[in-house]
Amino acid sequence: MSQQEDLAAVQSRLDELVRRVGQLEQTVEALRASGPVTAAAAAPAAKVRTELVTIPDAPYDNALWTDSDDEGLGVRDRHAP
């Protein structure tokens, strides 16, 4: 491709980008004009969980970590390379 063809292709894509950004701005303006959207209206099938899960402060059982490796550090009780 010649330099003129490259510039024409870039200009064409830039024009398309400007057109699509304009469309996006119009869509955003229309959504803002329609009023605030609540979470329930945006996703009516979604359930909102409000319950909290309590995590105990007691230490974990050390048996959970038997034969585990620290990622990137190698095997426990050995020096990293």
N, C-alpha and C. Protein backbone atom coordinates (compact mmCIF):
# COMPACT_ATOMS: atom_id res chain seq x y z
N MET A 1 0.83 -1.18 0.00
CA MET A 1 0.00 0.00 0.00
C MET A 1 0.88 1.24 0.00
N SER A 2 0.39 2.21 -0.68
CA SER A 2 1.12 3.48 -0.70
C SER A 2 0.76 4.28 0.55
N GLN A 3 1.50 5.31 0.76
CA GLN A 3 1.26 6.15 1.92
C GLN A 3 -0.12 6.82 1.83
N GLN A 4 -0.53 7.21 0.63
CA GLN A 4 -1.84 7.83 0.45
C GLN A 4 -2.97 6.85 0.78
N GLU A 5 -2.82 5.59 0.37
CA GLU A 5 -3.83 4.58 0.67
C GLU A 5 -3.89 4.32 2.17
N ASP A 6 -2.73 4.28 2.82
CA ASP A 6 -2.69 4.09 4.27
C ASP A 6 -3.39 5.23 4.99
N LEU A 7 -3.11 6.46 4.56
CA LEU A 7 -3.75 7.62 5.18
C LEU A 7 -5.26 7.62 4.96
N ALA A 8 -5.68 7.20 3.76
CA ALA A 8 -7.12 7.12 3.48
C ALA A 8 -7.78 6.07 4.36
N ALA A 9 -7.11 4.93 4.56
CA ALA A 9 -7.66 3.88 5.42
C ALA A 9 -7.75 4.36 6.87
N VAL A 10 -6.73 5.05 7.33
CA VAL A 10 -6.73 5.57 8.70
C VAL A 10 -7.85 6.60 8.86
N GLN A 11 -8.01 7.48 7.88
CA GLN A 11 -9.07 8.50 7.94
C GLN A 11 -10.44 7.85 7.96
N SER A 12 -10.62 6.81 7.17
CA SER A 12 -11.90 6.10 7.13
C SER A 12 -12.22 5.48 8.49
N ARG A 13 -11.22 4.85 9.08
CA ARG A 13 -11.44 4.23 10.40
C ARG A 13 -11.66 5.28 11.48
N LEU A 14 -10.98 6.40 11.37
CA LEU A 14 -11.18 7.48 12.33
C LEU A 14 -12.59 8.05 12.22
N ASP A 15 -13.08 8.22 10.99
CA ASP A 15 -14.45 8.70 10.77
C ASP A 15 -15.46 7.72 11.38
N GLU A 16 -15.22 6.44 11.20
CA GLU A 16 -16.11 5.42 11.77
C GLU A 16 -16.08 5.47 13.29
N LEU A 17 -14.92 5.67 13.87
CA LEU A 17 -14.80 5.79 15.32
C LEU A 17 -15.57 7.00 15.84
N VAL A 18 -15.43 8.12 15.16
CA VAL A 18 -16.15 9.33 15.57
C VAL A 18 -17.65 9.11 15.48
N ARG A 19 -18.10 8.43 14.43
CA ARG A 19 -19.54 8.15 14.27
C ARG A 19 -20.05 7.26 15.41
N ARG A 20 -19.29 6.23 15.74
CA ARG A 20 -19.73 5.31 16.79
C ARG A 20 -19.69 5.96 18.17
N VAL A 21 -18.72 6.82 18.43
CA VAL A 21 -18.67 7.54 19.70
C VAL A 21 -19.88 8.46 19.80
N GLY A 22 -20.26 9.09 18.70
CA GLY A 22 -21.46 9.92 18.69
C GLY A 22 -22.70 9.11 19.03
N GLN A 23 -22.81 7.92 18.46
CA GLN A 23 -23.94 7.05 18.77
C GLN A 23 -23.95 6.66 20.24
N LEU A 24 -22.77 6.35 20.77
CA LEU A 24 -22.66 5.99 22.18
C LEU A 24 -23.07 7.14 23.08
N GLU A 25 -22.64 8.37 22.74
CA GLU A 25 -23.03 9.54 23.53
C GLU A 25 -24.54 9.73 23.51
N GLN A 26 -25.17 9.52 22.35
CA GLN A 26 -26.62 9.66 22.26
C GLN A 26 -27.32 8.61 23.13
N THR A 27 -26.79 7.40 23.13
CA THR A 27 -27.38 6.33 23.93
C THR A 27 -27.25 6.65 25.42
N VAL A 28 -26.10 7.14 25.83
CA VAL A 28 -25.89 7.50 27.24
C VAL A 28 -26.83 8.63 27.64
N GLU A 29 -26.97 9.63 26.79
CA GLU A 29 -27.87 10.75 27.08
C GLU A 29 -29.31 10.25 27.22
N ALA A 30 -29.72 9.33 26.35
CA ALA A 30 -31.08 8.79 26.41
C ALA A 30 -31.29 8.01 27.70
N LEU A 31 -30.28 7.25 28.12
CA LEU A 31 -30.39 6.50 29.36
C LEU A 31 -30.45 7.43 30.57
N ARG A 32 -29.66 8.48 30.54
CA ARG A 32 -29.69 9.45 31.65
C ARG A 32 -31.03 10.17 31.71
N ALA A 33 -31.60 10.46 30.56
CA ALA A 33 -32.88 11.17 30.52
C ALA A 33 -34.02 10.29 31.01
N SER A 34 -33.88 8.97 30.89
CA SER A 34 -34.95 8.07 31.31
C SER A 34 -35.03 7.92 32.82
N GLY A 35 -34.06 8.44 33.55
CA GLY A 35 -34.10 8.40 35.01
C GLY A 35 -33.12 7.38 35.56
N PRO A 36 -32.98 7.38 36.87
CA PRO A 36 -32.03 6.45 37.49
C PRO A 36 -32.52 5.01 37.38
N VAL A 37 -31.57 4.13 37.22
CA VAL A 37 -31.87 2.71 37.12
C VAL A 37 -31.44 2.06 38.42
N THR A 38 -32.36 1.37 39.07
CA THR A 38 -32.02 0.68 40.31
C THR A 38 -31.43 -0.68 39.97
N ALA A 39 -30.78 -1.27 40.92
CA ALA A 39 -30.16 -2.59 40.70
C ALA A 39 -31.22 -3.64 40.39
N ALA A 40 -32.37 -3.54 41.03
CA ALA A 40 -33.44 -4.51 40.79
C ALA A 40 -34.00 -4.36 39.38
N ALA A 41 -34.08 -3.14 38.88
CA ALA A 41 -34.59 -2.93 37.52
C ALA A 41 -33.58 -3.35 36.47
N ALA A 42 -32.30 -3.19 36.77
CA ALA A 42 -31.26 -3.54 35.81
C ALA A 42 -31.15 -5.05 35.65
N ALA A 43 -31.29 -5.78 36.73
CA ALA A 43 -31.19 -7.25 36.68
C ALA A 43 -32.28 -7.83 37.58
N PRO A 44 -33.49 -7.95 37.09
CA PRO A 44 -34.59 -8.40 37.95
C PRO A 44 -34.42 -9.84 38.44
N ALA A 45 -33.68 -10.68 37.73
CA ALA A 45 -33.53 -12.06 38.15
C ALA A 45 -32.43 -12.22 39.20
N ALA A 46 -31.61 -11.21 39.38
CA ALA A 46 -30.50 -11.30 40.33
C ALA A 46 -31.02 -11.13 41.75
N LYS A 47 -30.51 -11.96 42.64
CA LYS A 47 -30.87 -11.86 44.06
C LYS A 47 -29.75 -11.14 44.78
N VAL A 48 -30.12 -10.26 45.67
CA VAL A 48 -29.14 -9.52 46.44
C VAL A 48 -28.99 -10.20 47.80
N ARG A 49 -27.76 -10.64 48.08
CA ARG A 49 -27.49 -11.29 49.37
C ARG A 49 -27.08 -10.22 50.37
N THR A 50 -27.78 -10.18 51.48
CA THR A 50 -27.44 -9.21 52.51
C THR A 50 -26.91 -9.87 53.77
N GLU A 51 -26.94 -11.19 53.83
CA GLU A 51 -26.46 -11.86 55.04
C GLU A 51 -24.94 -11.89 55.06
N LEU A 52 -24.39 -11.78 56.26
CA LEU A 52 -22.95 -11.79 56.44
C LEU A 52 -22.50 -13.15 56.93
N VAL A 53 -21.30 -13.53 56.54
CA VAL A 53 -20.72 -14.78 56.99
C VAL A 53 -19.63 -14.43 57.99
N THR A 54 -19.71 -15.01 59.18
CA THR A 54 -18.72 -14.76 60.21
C THR A 54 -17.58 -15.74 60.07
N ILE A 55 -16.37 -15.23 60.03
CA ILE A 55 -15.18 -16.06 59.94
C ILE A 55 -14.54 -16.08 61.32
N PRO A 56 -14.37 -17.27 61.90
CA PRO A 56 -13.84 -17.34 63.27
C PRO A 56 -12.38 -16.88 63.33
N ASP A 57 -11.99 -16.37 64.49
CA ASP A 57 -10.62 -15.93 64.70
C ASP A 57 -9.69 -17.08 65.07
N ALA A 58 -10.24 -18.25 65.35
CA ALA A 58 -9.43 -19.40 65.74
C ALA A 58 -8.51 -19.79 64.59
N PRO A 59 -7.29 -20.21 64.88
CA PRO A 59 -6.37 -20.60 63.81
C PRO A 59 -6.85 -21.87 63.11
N TYR A 60 -6.47 -21.99 61.84
CA TYR A 60 -6.83 -23.19 61.09
C TYR A 60 -6.05 -24.39 61.60
N ASP A 61 -6.60 -25.56 61.38
CA ASP A 61 -5.93 -26.80 61.76
C ASP A 61 -4.70 -26.97 60.88
N ASN A 62 -3.55 -27.21 61.46
CA ASN A 62 -2.31 -27.36 60.71
C ASN A 62 -2.34 -28.54 59.75
N ALA A 63 -3.22 -29.50 59.98
CA ALA A 63 -3.32 -30.66 59.08
C ALA A 63 -3.78 -30.23 57.69
N LEU A 64 -4.44 -29.08 57.60
CA LEU A 64 -4.87 -28.59 56.29
C LEU A 64 -3.69 -28.26 55.39
N TRP A 65 -2.56 -27.92 55.99
CA TRP A 65 -1.41 -27.46 55.22
C TRP A 65 -0.36 -28.55 55.04
N THR A 66 -0.64 -29.76 55.48
CA THR A 66 0.31 -30.85 55.32
C THR A 66 0.53 -31.13 53.84
N ASP A 67 1.78 -31.31 53.46
CA ASP A 67 2.18 -31.60 52.08
C ASP A 67 1.84 -30.47 51.11
N SER A 68 1.70 -29.27 51.60
CA SER A 68 1.43 -28.15 50.69
C SER A 68 2.72 -27.42 50.37
N ASP A 69 2.77 -26.84 49.20
CA ASP A 69 3.91 -26.04 48.78
C ASP A 69 3.50 -24.58 48.76
N ASP A 70 4.43 -23.72 49.10
CA ASP A 70 4.18 -22.29 48.96
C ASP A 70 4.48 -21.94 47.52
N GLU A 71 3.48 -21.44 46.81
CA GLU A 71 3.65 -21.16 45.39
C GLU A 71 4.80 -20.19 45.16
N GLY A 72 5.70 -20.58 44.33
CA GLY A 72 6.82 -19.74 43.97
C GLY A 72 7.98 -19.80 44.94
N LEU A 73 7.77 -20.43 46.09
CA LEU A 73 8.83 -20.50 47.09
C LEU A 73 9.39 -21.90 47.24
N GLY A 74 8.76 -22.88 46.68
CA GLY A 74 9.26 -24.24 46.78
C GLY A 74 8.63 -24.98 47.94
N VAL A 75 9.21 -26.08 48.28
CA VAL A 75 8.69 -26.96 49.31
C VAL A 75 9.00 -26.37 50.69
N ARG A 76 8.05 -26.54 51.61
CA ARG A 76 8.21 -26.05 52.98
C ARG A 76 9.44 -26.70 53.62
N ASP A 77 10.12 -26.01 54.47
CA ASP A 77 11.31 -26.45 55.21
C ASP A 77 12.53 -26.65 54.32
N ARG A 78 12.51 -26.12 53.11
CA ARG A 78 13.67 -26.15 52.24
C ARG A 78 13.93 -24.74 51.72
N HIS A 79 15.14 -24.48 51.33
CA HIS A 79 15.48 -23.15 50.82
C HIS A 79 15.03 -23.02 49.37
N ALA A 80 14.61 -21.83 49.06
CA ALA A 80 14.23 -21.55 47.67
C ALA A 80 15.49 -21.51 46.81
N PRO A 81 15.38 -21.89 45.55
CA PRO A 81 16.58 -21.92 44.69
C PRO A 81 17.16 -20.54 44.46
